[in-house]
Amino acid sequence: MNLNVFQVDIDRFVDEIKLLPDVNSEYVSIVVDLISRWETISRSAPYVCETQGEGFASNVSRRGSAANELKERLDWVAFFLACAWREQNMRTNTLASSKVEWLFSYFNDKNLELCDEVRARASYVNYLLPANVASNDIKKSLIELEEKKKSVSDHASKVSTVLSDADQRLTSWLKQVDVYESRLKEYRSNYNFLGLSHAFEGLIRSKKNELRIDVGILTIMAMVMTAIPIAYSIVKSVPDDLSKALLFYAPIVGVEILLVFFFRIVLRNYYSRKTQVVQLELRHGICAFYESYVDFTNKHKSDRSFDRFESLIFSGVVEESGKIPTTFDGLESIIASVANAMKGKS
């Protein structure tokens, strides 16, 4: 309560009570002094101001009262001040001044000089007021506690919502990560087979270049083997006598035998490289089939019909055509497995 609004009424009320006859002058002076200090005490007596402030303002601002009515107004204002200072002492836990103590002793329910109404007010100041102040504080504390509890509950609900949204986003991100992981594995597998295919292509090109070299060497050696006796016959005339003719060709026979020996070596290498090219081309073609082959074998884990096929694909490249596994052995095993699987479904 801001008492500056009632300052004029307070000054007039003070002047009026000072002129009351048959009233204890000390009683009046204490009331006047406590009213002058009300601005300070009003801040520490919120309960009394809230419940009795309007009655205090009404008794102070009322005009034209008779002496007995003015005495009742004085007692009511004194009662209000006693209540306010009682609440102030409760909240600050300080000792009351001598004037306040005098006012408390005046409002004594055992004071026989007081009328019944004032004695009831004295009981309120000494007993009911402290209980009401404590009860009001407890109620306010409970209300604040409920508000804080509700605020905490609201914050917890918001946090739960945020965590739920974050969990959903995290789950969605994990699903995307799984998709990306599967795609990366697929790409890695494809790139691995692509690298293997490129490696086979490089080997095939290398072997074909070696084949071309072998063909060139064989061609040159064949031409040399044919040209040597012809050129030798042209340069030197062949004797008519058989024994002399044998002696005539004896020098080049050794050369021809040596050339034939090397010709056979080169020819054997040619056939060996040709065989290797066939095997490498077979493996190069199978690289495109390998991924589907792995999926099929995983679905038929107990089926061992792919053993010979795997031995064909992953075996080393042999150099002799007679030692090459039969190509159709592996293909026949695949056809048999597919046929059995189709029969089982039907």
Protein backbone atom coordinates (compact mmCIF):
# COMPACT_ATOMS: atom_id res chain seq x y z
CA MET A 1 0.00 0.00 0.00
CA ASN A 2 1.30 3.49 -0.88
CA LEU A 3 0.33 5.81 1.98
CA ASN A 4 1.37 8.99 0.17
CA VAL A 5 -2.13 9.04 -1.32
CA PHE A 6 -3.61 9.20 2.18
CA GLN A 7 -1.04 11.58 3.66
CA VAL A 8 -3.53 14.45 3.99
CA ASP A 9 -6.07 12.16 5.64
CA ILE A 10 -3.39 10.78 7.96
CA ASP A 11 -2.35 14.28 9.04
CA ARG A 12 -5.95 15.23 9.70
CA PHE A 13 -6.57 11.99 11.61
CA VAL A 14 -3.50 12.66 13.78
CA ASP A 15 -4.73 16.17 14.56
CA GLU A 16 -8.16 14.81 15.49
CA ILE A 17 -6.95 12.07 17.86
CA LYS A 18 -4.63 14.50 19.63
CA LEU A 19 -7.72 16.47 20.71
CA LEU A 20 -9.61 13.46 22.09
CA PRO A 21 -10.54 13.90 25.77
CA ASP A 22 -10.13 11.16 28.33
CA VAL A 23 -7.62 9.23 26.19
CA ASN A 24 -4.20 8.10 27.34
CA SER A 25 -1.74 10.58 25.85
CA GLU A 26 1.01 7.93 25.62
CA TYR A 27 -1.37 5.70 23.68
CA VAL A 28 -2.05 8.52 21.19
CA SER A 29 1.64 9.46 20.82
CA ILE A 30 2.62 5.82 20.10
CA VAL A 31 -0.07 5.52 17.42
CA VAL A 32 1.06 8.82 15.85
CA ASP A 33 4.70 7.70 15.84
CA LEU A 34 3.96 4.28 14.29
CA ILE A 35 1.78 5.84 11.57
CA SER A 36 4.67 8.11 10.61
CA ARG A 37 6.90 5.03 10.13
CA TRP A 38 4.33 3.01 8.22
CA GLU A 39 6.11 3.28 4.83
CA THR A 40 8.94 1.17 6.25
CA ILE A 41 6.80 -1.41 8.03
CA SER A 42 4.28 -1.84 5.17
CA ARG A 43 6.88 -3.61 3.02
CA SER A 44 7.45 -6.30 5.68
CA ALA A 45 3.76 -6.87 6.55
CA PRO A 46 2.18 -7.97 3.23
CA TYR A 47 -0.46 -10.23 4.79
CA VAL A 48 -1.90 -7.51 7.09
CA CYS A 49 -1.84 -4.97 4.24
CA GLU A 50 -3.66 -7.39 1.96
CA THR A 51 -6.36 -8.42 4.45
CA GLN A 52 -6.87 -5.20 6.50
CA GLY A 53 -5.42 -2.40 4.37
CA GLU A 54 -8.78 -1.19 3.07
CA GLY A 55 -10.20 -1.00 6.62
CA PHE A 56 -7.16 1.02 7.71
CA ALA A 57 -7.59 3.49 4.84
CA SER A 58 -11.34 3.79 5.50
CA ASN A 59 -10.90 4.60 9.22
CA VAL A 60 -8.16 7.13 8.54
CA SER A 61 -9.97 9.01 5.75
CA ARG A 62 -13.43 9.14 7.37
CA ARG A 63 -14.53 12.65 8.40
CA GLY A 64 -16.91 14.31 10.83
CA SER A 65 -16.89 11.66 13.54
CA ALA A 66 -18.12 12.13 17.07
CA ALA A 67 -15.76 11.63 19.99
CA ASN A 68 -16.85 8.08 20.75
CA GLU A 69 -16.69 7.12 17.07
CA LEU A 70 -13.26 8.74 16.76
CA LYS A 71 -12.14 6.69 19.77
CA GLU A 72 -13.30 3.51 18.00
CA ARG A 73 -11.42 4.57 14.87
CA LEU A 74 -8.31 5.15 17.00
CA ASP A 75 -8.60 1.68 18.53
CA TRP A 76 -9.08 0.13 15.09
CA VAL A 77 -6.01 1.94 13.66
CA ALA A 78 -3.98 0.92 16.73
CA PHE A 79 -5.14 -2.66 16.24
CA PHE A 80 -4.07 -2.51 12.59
CA LEU A 81 -0.63 -1.13 13.53
CA ALA A 82 -0.20 -3.80 16.20
CA CYS A 83 -1.00 -6.49 13.62
CA ALA A 84 1.45 -4.99 11.12
CA TRP A 85 4.29 -4.76 13.64
CA ARG A 86 3.54 -8.28 14.88
CA GLU A 87 3.92 -9.64 11.31
CA GLN A 88 7.06 -7.55 10.83
CA ASN A 89 8.65 -9.00 13.97
CA MET A 90 7.70 -12.53 12.87
CA ARG A 91 9.32 -12.11 9.45
CA THR A 92 12.47 -10.26 10.54
CA ASN A 93 12.86 -12.17 13.82
CA THR A 94 13.82 -8.96 15.63
CA LEU A 95 12.88 -7.58 19.03
CA ALA A 96 10.17 -4.94 19.11
CA SER A 97 10.91 -1.41 20.22
CA SER A 98 9.61 -0.09 23.52
CA LYS A 99 6.71 1.69 21.83
CA VAL A 100 5.71 -1.43 19.92
CA GLU A 101 5.98 -3.48 23.12
CA TRP A 102 3.72 -0.97 24.85
CA LEU A 103 1.21 -1.36 22.01
CA PHE A 104 1.40 -5.16 22.28
CA SER A 105 0.82 -4.96 26.05
CA TYR A 106 -2.16 -2.69 25.46
CA PHE A 107 -3.73 -5.36 23.25
CA ASN A 108 -3.77 -7.97 25.98
CA ASP A 109 -6.79 -10.21 26.19
CA LYS A 110 -6.36 -10.26 29.97
CA ASN A 111 -6.66 -6.49 30.20
CA LEU A 112 -10.00 -6.04 31.99
CA GLU A 113 -10.15 -2.37 31.02
CA LEU A 114 -10.76 -3.32 27.40
CA CYS A 115 -14.19 -3.92 26.01
CA ASP A 116 -15.08 -7.31 24.60
CA GLU A 117 -14.52 -6.22 21.00
CA VAL A 118 -11.03 -4.84 21.70
CA ARG A 119 -10.20 -7.90 23.83
CA ALA A 120 -11.15 -10.12 20.85
CA ARG A 121 -8.83 -8.04 18.69
CA ALA A 122 -6.08 -8.57 21.26
CA SER A 123 -6.56 -12.34 21.04
CA TYR A 124 -6.28 -12.06 17.26
CA VAL A 125 -3.00 -10.09 17.49
CA ASN A 126 -1.40 -12.52 19.93
CA TYR A 127 -2.71 -15.87 18.69
CA LEU A 128 -4.69 -15.95 15.44
CA LEU A 129 -2.55 -13.54 13.44
CA PRO A 130 0.70 -15.56 13.71
CA ALA A 131 -1.18 -18.70 12.71
CA ASN A 132 -2.87 -16.94 9.78
CA VAL A 133 0.43 -15.47 8.56
CA ALA A 134 2.11 -18.86 8.74
CA SER A 135 -0.85 -20.53 7.00
CA ASN A 136 -0.86 -17.89 4.26
CA ASP A 137 2.88 -18.29 3.70
CA ILE A 138 2.48 -22.06 3.50
CA LYS A 139 -0.34 -21.70 0.96
CA LYS A 140 1.75 -19.34 -1.15
CA SER A 141 4.71 -21.71 -0.90
CA LEU A 142 2.50 -24.60 -1.99
CA ILE A 143 1.18 -22.56 -4.91
CA GLU A 144 4.72 -21.62 -5.93
CA LEU A 145 5.74 -25.25 -5.53
CA GLU A 146 2.86 -26.37 -7.78
CA GLU A 147 3.79 -23.72 -10.34
CA LYS A 148 7.42 -24.82 -10.28
CA LYS A 149 6.33 -28.45 -10.45
CA LYS A 150 4.14 -27.63 -13.46
CA SER A 151 7.01 -25.69 -15.01
CA VAL A 152 9.37 -28.62 -14.45
CA SER A 153 6.76 -30.99 -15.89
CA ASP A 154 6.36 -28.74 -18.94
CA HIS A 155 10.13 -28.58 -19.39
CA ALA A 156 10.36 -32.36 -18.98
CA SER A 157 7.63 -32.79 -21.60
CA LYS A 158 9.47 -30.46 -23.96
CA VAL A 159 12.75 -32.29 -23.32
CA SER A 160 10.99 -35.62 -23.91
CA THR A 161 9.55 -34.28 -27.17
CA VAL A 162 12.96 -33.01 -28.25
CA LEU A 163 14.58 -36.34 -27.36
CA SER A 164 11.84 -38.23 -29.22
CA ASP A 165 12.34 -36.06 -32.30
CA ALA A 166 16.10 -36.48 -32.03
CA ASP A 167 15.67 -40.25 -31.69
CA GLN A 168 13.46 -40.34 -34.78
CA ARG A 169 15.96 -38.25 -36.73
CA LEU A 170 18.80 -40.46 -35.52
CA THR A 171 16.88 -43.58 -36.55
CA SER A 172 16.23 -42.04 -39.96
CA TRP A 173 19.91 -41.12 -40.31
CA LEU A 174 20.96 -44.63 -39.29
CA LYS A 175 18.68 -46.08 -41.96
CA GLN A 176 20.22 -43.75 -44.52
CA VAL A 177 23.69 -44.72 -43.32
CA ASP A 178 22.76 -48.41 -43.73
CA VAL A 179 21.55 -47.69 -47.27
CA TYR A 180 24.75 -45.81 -48.07
CA GLU A 181 26.82 -48.60 -46.52
CA SER A 182 25.10 -51.25 -48.65
CA ARG A 183 25.58 -49.10 -51.74
CA LEU A 184 29.25 -48.55 -50.91
CA LYS A 185 29.73 -52.28 -50.44
CA GLU A 186 28.03 -52.88 -53.77
CA TYR A 187 30.21 -50.25 -55.44
CA ARG A 188 33.32 -51.71 -53.83
CA SER A 189 32.36 -55.18 -55.01
CA ASN A 190 31.71 -53.87 -58.50
CA TYR A 191 34.99 -51.97 -58.55
CA ASN A 192 36.83 -55.05 -57.29
CA PHE A 193 35.43 -57.13 -60.14
CA LEU A 194 36.10 -54.26 -62.52
CA GLY A 195 39.73 -54.21 -61.39
CA LEU A 196 39.94 -57.98 -61.76
CA SER A 197 38.42 -57.70 -65.23
CA HIS A 198 40.97 -55.02 -66.18
CA ALA A 199 43.75 -57.24 -64.88
CA PHE A 200 42.55 -60.10 -67.07
CA GLU A 201 42.31 -57.72 -70.03
CA GLY A 202 45.91 -56.65 -69.46
CA LEU A 203 47.09 -60.25 -69.27
CA ILE A 204 45.14 -61.14 -72.42
CA ARG A 205 46.68 -58.23 -74.32
CA SER A 206 50.14 -59.23 -73.11
CA LYS A 207 49.66 -62.86 -74.14
CA LYS A 208 48.27 -61.85 -77.54
CA ASN A 209 51.28 -59.62 -78.12
CA GLU A 210 53.52 -62.58 -77.25
CA LEU A 211 51.48 -64.71 -79.69
CA ARG A 212 52.09 -62.17 -82.45
CA ILE A 213 55.79 -62.21 -81.66
CA ASP A 214 55.82 -66.02 -81.74
CA VAL A 215 54.02 -66.02 -85.10
CA GLY A 216 56.55 -63.55 -86.47
CA ILE A 217 59.46 -65.62 -85.21
CA LEU A 218 57.95 -68.81 -86.65
CA THR A 219 57.37 -67.10 -89.99
CA ILE A 220 60.92 -65.79 -90.13
CA MET A 221 62.37 -69.15 -89.11
CA ALA A 222 60.28 -70.95 -91.77
CA MET A 223 61.45 -68.51 -94.41
CA VAL A 224 65.07 -68.88 -93.30
CA MET A 225 64.80 -72.68 -93.27
CA THR A 226 63.45 -72.58 -96.82
CA ALA A 227 65.79 -69.90 -98.14
CA ILE A 228 69.05 -71.43 -96.91
CA PRO A 229 69.06 -74.55 -99.12
CA ILE A 230 67.73 -72.62 -102.12
CA ALA A 231 70.33 -69.91 -101.80
CA TYR A 232 73.06 -72.47 -101.19
CA SER A 233 72.04 -74.33 -104.35
CA ILE A 234 72.08 -71.11 -106.36
CA VAL A 235 75.44 -69.99 -105.11
CA LYS A 236 77.05 -73.40 -105.64
CA SER A 237 76.11 -75.87 -108.33
CA VAL A 238 74.82 -79.20 -107.14
CA PRO A 239 77.07 -82.13 -108.20
CA ASP A 240 75.52 -84.89 -110.26
CA ASP A 241 77.18 -87.61 -108.27
CA LEU A 242 75.02 -88.71 -105.30
CA SER A 243 77.91 -89.10 -102.90
CA LYS A 244 79.20 -85.69 -103.82
CA ALA A 245 75.67 -84.25 -103.55
CA LEU A 246 75.38 -85.60 -100.01
CA LEU A 247 78.66 -84.03 -99.15
CA PHE A 248 77.43 -80.85 -100.85
CA TYR A 249 74.33 -80.62 -98.58
CA ALA A 250 76.07 -81.88 -95.41
CA PRO A 251 76.99 -78.36 -94.14
CA ILE A 252 73.45 -77.02 -94.33
CA VAL A 253 71.81 -80.15 -92.90
CA GLY A 254 73.20 -79.39 -89.46
CA VAL A 255 72.01 -75.82 -89.73
CA GLU A 256 68.52 -76.98 -90.78
CA ILE A 257 68.34 -79.48 -87.91
CA LEU A 258 69.28 -76.73 -85.44
CA LEU A 259 66.67 -74.39 -86.94
CA VAL A 260 64.02 -77.12 -86.76
CA PHE A 261 64.86 -77.65 -83.08
CA PHE A 262 64.38 -73.96 -82.26
CA PHE A 263 61.32 -73.84 -84.50
CA ARG A 264 59.70 -76.56 -82.41
CA ILE A 265 60.54 -74.70 -79.20
CA VAL A 266 58.94 -71.50 -80.49
CA LEU A 267 55.95 -73.44 -81.83
CA ARG A 268 55.44 -75.10 -78.46
CA ASN A 269 55.54 -71.70 -76.75
CA TYR A 270 53.00 -70.46 -79.28
CA TYR A 271 50.55 -73.24 -78.46
CA SER A 272 51.13 -72.73 -74.73
CA ARG A 273 50.39 -68.99 -74.95
CA LYS A 274 47.35 -69.64 -77.12
CA THR A 275 46.06 -72.03 -74.46
CA GLN A 276 46.67 -69.41 -71.77
CA VAL A 277 44.78 -66.78 -73.78
CA VAL A 278 41.76 -69.09 -74.02
CA GLN A 279 41.80 -69.66 -70.24
CA LEU A 280 42.20 -65.95 -69.48
CA GLU A 281 39.35 -65.02 -71.81
CA LEU A 282 37.19 -67.62 -70.07
CA ARG A 283 37.97 -66.13 -66.64
CA HIS A 284 37.43 -62.61 -67.96
CA GLY A 285 33.98 -63.55 -69.15
CA ILE A 286 33.12 -65.24 -65.84
CA CYS A 287 33.89 -62.05 -63.83
CA ALA A 288 30.54 -60.60 -64.94
CA PHE A 289 28.77 -63.72 -63.64
CA TYR A 290 30.59 -63.98 -60.30
CA GLU A 291 28.30 -61.75 -58.16
CA SER A 292 25.15 -63.64 -59.20
CA TYR A 293 27.05 -66.86 -58.68
CA VAL A 294 27.86 -65.91 -55.06
CA ASP A 295 24.20 -65.08 -54.35
CA PHE A 296 23.11 -68.39 -55.82
CA THR A 297 25.65 -70.39 -53.79
CA ASN A 298 24.54 -68.62 -50.58
CA LYS A 299 20.96 -69.74 -51.25
CA HIS A 300 22.14 -73.33 -51.81
CA LYS A 301 24.77 -73.70 -49.10
CA SER A 302 24.38 -77.47 -48.90
CA ASP A 303 24.73 -77.91 -52.66
CA ARG A 304 28.26 -78.99 -53.59
CA SER A 305 27.67 -79.14 -57.36
CA PHE A 306 29.75 -75.94 -57.77
CA ASP A 307 32.98 -77.49 -56.56
CA ARG A 308 34.28 -78.39 -60.00
CA PHE A 309 33.08 -75.06 -61.36
CA GLU A 310 34.99 -73.17 -58.66
CA SER A 311 38.09 -75.26 -59.28
CA LEU A 312 37.86 -74.28 -62.94
CA ILE A 313 37.50 -70.55 -62.27
CA PHE A 314 40.02 -70.17 -59.45
CA SER A 315 42.61 -72.71 -60.62
CA GLY A 316 45.95 -71.56 -61.97
CA VAL A 317 46.47 -70.97 -65.68
CA VAL A 318 48.08 -74.14 -67.12
CA GLU A 319 50.51 -74.01 -70.00
CA GLU A 320 49.59 -77.25 -71.81
CA SER A 321 46.25 -77.72 -73.51
CA GLY A 322 46.08 -81.38 -72.49
CA LYS A 323 45.97 -80.42 -68.81
CA ILE A 324 43.13 -77.86 -69.11
CA PRO A 325 39.91 -78.92 -67.28
CA THR A 326 36.94 -79.56 -69.47
CA THR A 327 35.04 -76.28 -69.73
CA PHE A 328 31.62 -77.85 -69.91
CA ASP A 329 32.11 -79.80 -66.63
CA GLY A 330 31.39 -76.66 -64.59
CA LEU A 331 28.57 -75.53 -66.86
CA GLU A 332 26.90 -78.92 -66.64
CA SER A 333 26.96 -78.74 -62.82
CA ILE A 334 25.29 -75.29 -62.92
CA ILE A 335 22.57 -76.50 -65.27
CA ALA A 336 21.91 -79.51 -63.03
CA SER A 337 21.66 -77.32 -59.89
CA VAL A 338 19.23 -74.89 -61.53
CA ALA A 339 17.08 -77.78 -62.78
CA ASN A 340 16.94 -79.34 -59.29
CA ALA A 341 15.99 -75.99 -57.74
CA MET A 342 13.16 -75.51 -60.24
CA LYS A 343 11.85 -79.02 -59.58
CA GLY A 344 11.88 -78.36 -55.83
CA LYS A 345 9.77 -75.18 -56.26
CA SER A 346 7.25 -76.96 -58.48
